[in-house]
Protein backbone atom coordinates (compact mmCIF):
# COMPACT_ATOMS: atom_id res chain seq x y z
CA MET A 1 -7.45 39.31 66.05
CA ASN A 2 -10.58 38.43 64.13
CA ALA A 3 -9.40 40.58 61.24
CA ASN A 4 -6.11 38.68 61.09
CA THR A 5 -8.01 35.42 61.06
CA ASP A 6 -10.19 36.64 58.20
CA PHE A 7 -7.13 37.29 56.02
CA SER A 8 -5.03 34.26 57.03
CA MET A 9 -7.76 31.66 56.54
CA PRO A 10 -8.12 32.26 52.77
CA ALA A 11 -4.35 32.16 52.46
CA ARG A 12 -4.18 28.79 54.21
CA ARG A 13 -6.96 27.45 52.03
CA PHE A 14 -5.10 28.66 48.91
CA THR A 15 -1.92 26.99 50.16
CA ALA A 16 -3.60 23.61 50.70
CA THR A 17 -5.46 23.80 47.41
CA ALA A 18 -2.33 24.71 45.44
CA ALA A 19 -0.33 21.84 46.98
CA ALA A 20 -3.07 19.32 46.20
CA THR A 21 -3.26 20.66 42.65
CA VAL A 22 0.47 20.22 42.09
CA LEU A 23 0.50 16.65 43.43
CA ALA A 24 -2.57 15.66 41.46
CA ALA A 25 -1.58 17.36 38.22
CA GLY A 26 1.98 16.00 38.07
CA PRO A 27 1.14 12.42 37.04
CA MET A 28 -1.54 13.67 34.62
CA VAL A 29 0.97 15.85 32.80
CA LEU A 30 3.26 12.86 32.34
CA ALA A 31 0.41 10.69 31.14
CA GLY A 32 -0.51 13.23 28.49
CA ALA A 33 3.09 13.36 27.19
CA GLY A 34 3.69 9.62 27.49
CA SER A 35 3.38 7.34 24.42
CA ALA A 36 2.96 8.08 20.72
CA HIS A 37 1.47 5.37 18.47
CA ALA A 38 1.62 5.32 14.67
CA SER A 39 -1.11 3.54 12.71
CA ALA A 40 0.02 0.71 10.45
CA ASP A 41 -0.19 0.94 6.65
CA HIS A 42 -2.67 -1.60 5.27
CA GLY A 43 -0.54 -2.37 2.23
CA ARG A 44 -1.40 -2.22 -1.47
CA ALA A 45 -2.66 -4.54 -4.19
CA SER A 46 -3.52 -4.29 -7.88
CA ALA A 47 -4.66 -6.63 -10.65
CA VAL A 48 -5.37 -6.46 -14.38
CA VAL A 49 -6.59 -9.20 -16.71
CA LEU A 50 -5.10 -7.76 -19.92
CA ARG A 51 -2.91 -4.77 -20.68
CA THR A 52 -1.64 -3.87 -24.16
CA GLY A 53 1.12 -1.57 -25.26
CA LEU A 54 1.18 -1.87 -29.04
CA ASP A 55 2.25 0.44 -31.82
CA VAL A 56 0.16 -0.01 -34.95
CA SER A 57 1.48 1.33 -38.27
CA LEU A 58 -0.91 1.39 -41.21
CA LEU A 59 -0.47 1.81 -44.95
CA ASN A 60 3.31 1.72 -45.18
CA LYS A 61 3.60 3.49 -41.84
CA THR A 62 1.81 6.57 -43.09
CA VAL A 63 -0.51 6.26 -40.09
CA ASN A 64 0.79 5.41 -36.61
CA VAL A 65 -1.70 4.77 -33.82
CA PRO A 66 -1.08 3.33 -30.35
CA LEU A 67 -3.20 0.50 -29.00
CA ALA A 68 -2.98 0.94 -25.24
CA VAL A 69 -5.98 -0.63 -23.54
CA SER A 70 -6.65 -2.67 -20.42
CA LEU A 71 -9.40 -4.97 -19.17
CA ASN A 72 -10.56 -5.13 -15.56
CA GLU A 73 -7.71 -3.14 -14.08
CA VAL A 74 -8.37 -2.65 -10.36
CA ARG A 75 -6.61 -1.37 -7.26
CA ALA A 76 -7.56 -2.53 -3.79
CA PRO A 77 -10.12 -2.78 -2.48
CA ARG A 78 -11.96 -3.54 -5.73
CA SER A 79 -12.94 -6.34 -8.07
CA ALA A 80 -14.13 -6.46 -11.67
CA GLU A 81 -15.49 -9.01 -14.09
CA ARG A 82 -15.99 -8.22 -17.75
CA THR A 83 -15.49 -10.76 -20.52
CA ALA A 84 -14.96 -8.57 -23.61
CA LEU A 85 -12.69 -5.71 -24.58
CA THR A 86 -13.10 -3.65 -27.73
CA ALA A 87 -11.12 -0.73 -29.09
CA ARG A 88 -11.35 1.93 -31.78
CA LEU A 89 -8.41 2.91 -33.96
CA ASP A 90 -8.47 5.42 -36.78
CA GLY A 91 -7.74 3.63 -40.04
CA VAL A 92 -8.64 0.19 -38.69
CA ASP A 93 -12.00 -1.24 -39.81
CA GLY A 94 -13.06 2.23 -40.84
CA GLY A 95 -12.78 3.46 -37.28
CA GLN A 96 -15.35 0.92 -36.10
CA PRO A 97 -14.82 -0.95 -32.80
CA PHE A 98 -12.92 -4.18 -33.15
CA SER A 99 -12.55 -6.99 -30.66
CA VAL A 100 -9.28 -7.15 -28.74
CA LEU A 101 -10.29 -9.90 -26.29
CA ARG A 102 -13.23 -12.21 -25.72
CA ALA A 103 -13.40 -14.76 -22.92
CA ASP A 104 -15.82 -16.92 -20.97
CA VAL A 105 -14.37 -15.64 -17.68
CA ALA A 106 -12.22 -12.55 -17.13
CA SER A 107 -12.02 -11.40 -13.54
CA ALA A 108 -9.64 -9.38 -11.37
CA LYS A 109 -9.69 -8.88 -7.61
CA ALA A 110 -7.56 -6.86 -5.18
CA THR A 111 -8.07 -6.67 -1.39
CA VAL A 112 -6.23 -5.11 1.55
CA SER A 113 -6.59 -5.34 5.32
CA ALA A 114 -4.54 -4.84 8.45
CA SER A 115 -3.29 -8.42 8.13
CA GLY A 116 -2.20 -8.31 4.49
CA ALA A 117 -2.83 -7.56 0.82
CA GLU A 118 -3.78 -9.90 -2.02
CA ALA A 119 -4.44 -9.70 -5.76
CA SER A 120 -5.63 -12.33 -8.25
CA THR A 121 -6.84 -12.76 -11.84
CA ASN A 122 -8.64 -15.49 -13.76
CA LEU A 123 -8.95 -15.71 -17.55
CA THR A 124 -10.75 -18.67 -19.15
CA HIS A 125 -11.26 -19.63 -22.81
CA ALA A 126 -9.84 -16.38 -24.14
CA ARG A 127 -9.02 -15.17 -27.66
CA ILE A 128 -6.92 -12.07 -28.34
CA HIS A 129 -6.84 -10.23 -31.66
CA VAL A 130 -4.68 -7.43 -33.03
CA PRO A 131 -5.19 -5.16 -36.06
CA GLY A 132 -4.29 -6.77 -39.40
CA LEU A 133 -5.43 -10.23 -38.30
CA PRO A 134 -9.23 -10.05 -38.23
CA LEU A 135 -9.76 -13.80 -38.62
CA LEU A 136 -6.67 -15.23 -36.90
CA SER A 137 -6.23 -15.02 -33.12
CA LEU A 138 -2.91 -13.76 -31.86
CA ILE A 139 -3.25 -16.19 -28.94
CA GLU A 140 -5.89 -18.53 -27.53
CA VAL A 141 -5.66 -19.92 -24.00
CA GLY A 142 -7.65 -22.45 -21.98
CA GLN A 143 -7.18 -20.87 -18.54
CA VAL A 144 -4.55 -18.70 -16.93
CA THR A 145 -4.56 -17.48 -13.34
CA SER A 146 -2.21 -15.35 -11.28
CA LYS A 147 -2.00 -14.53 -7.60
CA ALA A 148 0.14 -12.37 -5.31
CA THR A 149 -0.12 -12.57 -1.51
CA CYS A 150 1.57 -10.24 0.98
CA GLU A 151 0.75 -11.15 4.58
CA ALA A 152 2.05 -9.15 7.49
CA GLY A 153 5.03 -10.84 9.11
CA ARG A 154 5.41 -13.42 6.31
CA LYS A 155 7.42 -13.63 3.12
CA PRO A 156 5.37 -12.46 0.11
CA ALA A 157 4.45 -15.06 -2.53
CA ALA A 158 3.52 -14.87 -6.21
CA SER A 159 2.39 -17.55 -8.66
CA ALA A 160 0.82 -18.08 -12.08
CA THR A 161 -0.79 -21.20 -13.52
CA LEU A 162 -1.75 -22.33 -17.00
CA LEU A 163 -4.37 -24.98 -17.69
CA GLY A 164 -5.45 -26.29 -21.07
CA GLY A 165 -3.90 -25.67 -24.46
CA VAL A 166 -2.26 -22.58 -25.92
CA THR A 167 -2.45 -21.61 -29.58
CA VAL A 168 -0.33 -18.79 -31.03
CA LEU A 169 -0.98 -17.51 -34.56
CA GLY A 170 -2.81 -20.76 -35.30
CA LYS A 171 -0.03 -23.03 -33.97
CA LYS A 172 -0.34 -25.11 -30.79
CA VAL A 173 2.60 -24.53 -28.48
CA THR A 174 3.90 -25.77 -25.14
CA LEU A 175 5.09 -23.08 -22.76
CA THR A 176 7.88 -23.50 -20.23
CA VAL A 177 8.74 -21.54 -17.12
CA GLY A 178 12.49 -21.65 -17.66
CA GLY A 179 12.65 -19.28 -20.63
CA PRO A 180 10.72 -17.61 -23.45
CA THR A 181 8.90 -19.59 -26.11
CA GLU A 182 9.27 -18.21 -29.62
CA VAL A 183 6.67 -18.76 -32.30
CA LYS A 184 7.39 -17.78 -35.91
CA VAL A 185 4.78 -18.05 -38.64
CA PRO A 186 6.01 -17.15 -42.15
CA GLY A 187 3.93 -14.49 -43.79
CA VAL A 188 2.28 -13.55 -40.53
CA GLY A 189 4.75 -12.61 -37.82
CA GLU A 190 6.59 -13.57 -34.64
CA VAL A 191 5.57 -13.84 -31.01
CA ARG A 192 7.80 -14.42 -27.99
CA ILE A 193 6.04 -15.56 -24.84
CA ASP A 194 7.27 -15.50 -21.24
CA PHE A 195 5.20 -17.69 -18.94
CA SER A 196 4.82 -17.25 -15.19
CA LYS A 197 7.18 -14.37 -14.51
CA THR A 198 7.27 -13.73 -10.76
CA ARG A 199 9.37 -11.61 -8.44
CA THR A 200 9.33 -11.03 -4.69
CA THR A 201 11.10 -8.83 -2.15
CA SER A 202 10.87 -8.63 1.62
CA ARG A 203 7.54 -6.77 1.36
CA THR A 204 6.33 -7.03 -2.25
CA ALA A 205 5.27 -9.65 -4.78
CA ALA A 206 4.35 -9.52 -8.46
CA ALA A 207 3.38 -12.01 -11.14
CA SER A 208 2.46 -12.02 -14.82
CA ALA A 209 0.78 -15.13 -16.17
CA LEU A 210 1.79 -14.41 -19.78
CA GLU A 211 3.89 -11.67 -21.39
CA LEU A 212 3.84 -11.51 -25.17
CA HIS A 213 6.32 -9.61 -27.31
CA VAL A 214 4.60 -9.21 -30.65
CA SER A 215 5.84 -8.45 -34.15
CA VAL A 216 3.12 -8.97 -36.74
CA ASN A 217 3.16 -7.82 -40.39
CA PRO A 218 0.94 -10.11 -42.51
CA LEU A 219 2.59 -10.94 -45.83
CA LYS A 220 4.92 -8.00 -45.15
CA LEU A 221 2.43 -5.82 -47.02
CA ASN A 222 2.70 -3.09 -44.37
CA VAL A 223 -1.08 -2.88 -44.32
CA ALA A 224 -0.96 -3.31 -40.53
CA ASP A 225 2.43 -3.56 -38.84
CA VAL A 226 1.98 -4.31 -35.11
CA GLU A 227 4.84 -4.12 -32.60
CA GLY A 228 4.79 -4.16 -28.81
CA THR A 229 3.74 -6.12 -25.75
CA LEU A 230 0.66 -7.70 -24.19
CA THR A 231 0.41 -8.85 -20.60
CA LEU A 232 -2.18 -11.28 -19.27
CA GLY A 233 -2.89 -11.77 -15.59
CA SER A 234 -0.69 -9.11 -13.97
CA VAL A 235 -0.87 -8.80 -10.16
CA THR A 236 1.10 -6.92 -7.50
CA CYS A 237 0.91 -6.53 -3.73
CA GLU A 238 2.76 -4.88 -0.85
CA SER A 239 2.48 -6.09 2.73
CA PRO A 240 1.39 -3.74 5.53
CA SER A 241 4.19 -1.82 7.22
CA ALA A 242 4.82 -2.70 10.86
CA ALA A 243 3.79 -0.04 13.34
CA PRO A 244 6.78 1.39 15.23
CA ALA A 245 7.15 0.56 18.92
CA PRO A 246 5.56 3.13 21.24
CA ALA A 247 7.99 5.92 22.03
CA SER A 248 8.20 6.89 25.70
CA VAL A 249 8.33 10.64 26.25
CA SER A 250 9.23 12.01 29.68
CA ALA A 251 8.80 15.52 30.97
CA PRO A 252 12.09 17.45 31.36
CA GLY A 253 13.86 16.78 34.64
CA ILE A 254 11.51 13.94 35.65
CA LYS A 255 12.65 10.35 35.53
CA PRO A 256 10.24 7.60 34.37
CA GLN A 257 8.93 5.26 37.05
CA GLY A 258 11.46 2.55 37.86
CA ALA A 259 14.46 4.40 36.40
CA PRO A 260 17.74 4.15 38.34
CA ALA A 261 18.14 7.02 40.78
CA LYS A 262 21.00 9.46 40.41
CA SER A 263 23.68 9.46 43.10
CA GLY A 264 22.23 12.53 44.85
CA LEU A 265 18.80 10.94 45.20
CA ALA A 266 20.26 7.61 46.27
CA GLU A 267 22.16 9.22 49.15
CA THR A 268 19.22 11.22 50.43
CA GLY A 269 16.55 8.58 49.95
CA GLY A 270 14.88 10.44 47.08
CA THR A 271 12.39 8.59 44.85
CA SER A 272 10.65 9.24 41.56
CA THR A 273 7.96 11.24 43.42
CA THR A 274 10.53 13.68 44.79
CA PRO A 275 9.98 16.27 41.99
CA PHE A 276 6.26 16.42 42.84
CA VAL A 277 7.02 16.91 46.55
CA VAL A 278 9.52 19.64 45.75
CA GLY A 279 6.99 21.34 43.50
CA ALA A 280 4.37 21.24 46.24
CA ALA A 281 6.88 22.66 48.73
CA VAL A 282 7.61 25.58 46.43
CA VAL A 283 3.91 26.35 46.15
CA LEU A 284 3.48 26.06 49.91
CA LEU A 285 6.35 28.46 50.52
CA ALA A 286 4.93 30.95 48.05
CA ALA A 287 1.45 30.69 49.52
CA GLY A 288 2.81 31.03 53.08
CA GLY A 289 4.74 34.11 52.12
CA ALA A 290 1.58 35.59 50.64
CA ALA A 291 -0.36 34.85 53.84
CA VAL A 292 2.31 36.52 56.01
CA ALA A 293 2.35 39.58 53.76
CA LEU A 294 -1.42 39.87 53.96
CA GLY A 295 -1.33 39.61 57.76
CA ARG A 296 1.34 42.29 58.12
CA ARG A 297 -0.47 44.59 55.76
CA HIS A 298 -3.67 44.25 57.81
CA ARG A 299 -1.89 44.92 61.09
CA SER A 300 -0.30 47.99 59.63
């Protein structure tokens, strides 16, 4: 009798422990497989004070050299402030550095955060030169600024402003937003200027304070034939992407809490805890069978 007790007691303890384990572990398994969260994108922003894309042909186009330079080009999160830009071109000024831009203020800034992205530029009292015109500025401006803002949940915005006078190839001009302004100077060249070009979408914004399309060939001597574009105050931004709603993931065969019961459960009074009870019952049956087998083996 004592021997039977010695074998059956561990079996009963195993049965109780297994049932408690099933009931306790069930909700934890569901919790671990529950919700999946995706982190939100913080957006993007970029800014550049000056960017050039010019083709320079020298000496009757026997020498072709590109002038592709930029000043204070940054991508978030960064800022830069430098007031002069020089370049070297073979065949121009004997290969010595020449000034492309000089300004009192030339700054660019780009920032991003969970709430939005923003980019801005500021250019004050600036003079821009191109090869072939060492003494005459291509353009002089008082102040130009640009800004692009992309806030989460709001429509993006872009703007550009111009303060003070503008001089192109030595001529004072008035710029308009509605269309390009063309400046022609005999014996020097032509410049077409687009002021305050902006564009926005549901998540992005971009602005260029000034875009210049340049064609310069002083006296048509082909000493320095310059063609291409210059952009002042270019900014872009993209708003943060919205994080997707948490996705609920349920274990197979187990209904989430509060879900409508199937007809079988409704008729028998079953609830959402029924699967855990059934699981515990299975363990109990298995453990009981093991206890009985141990007892019989001992008696034999």
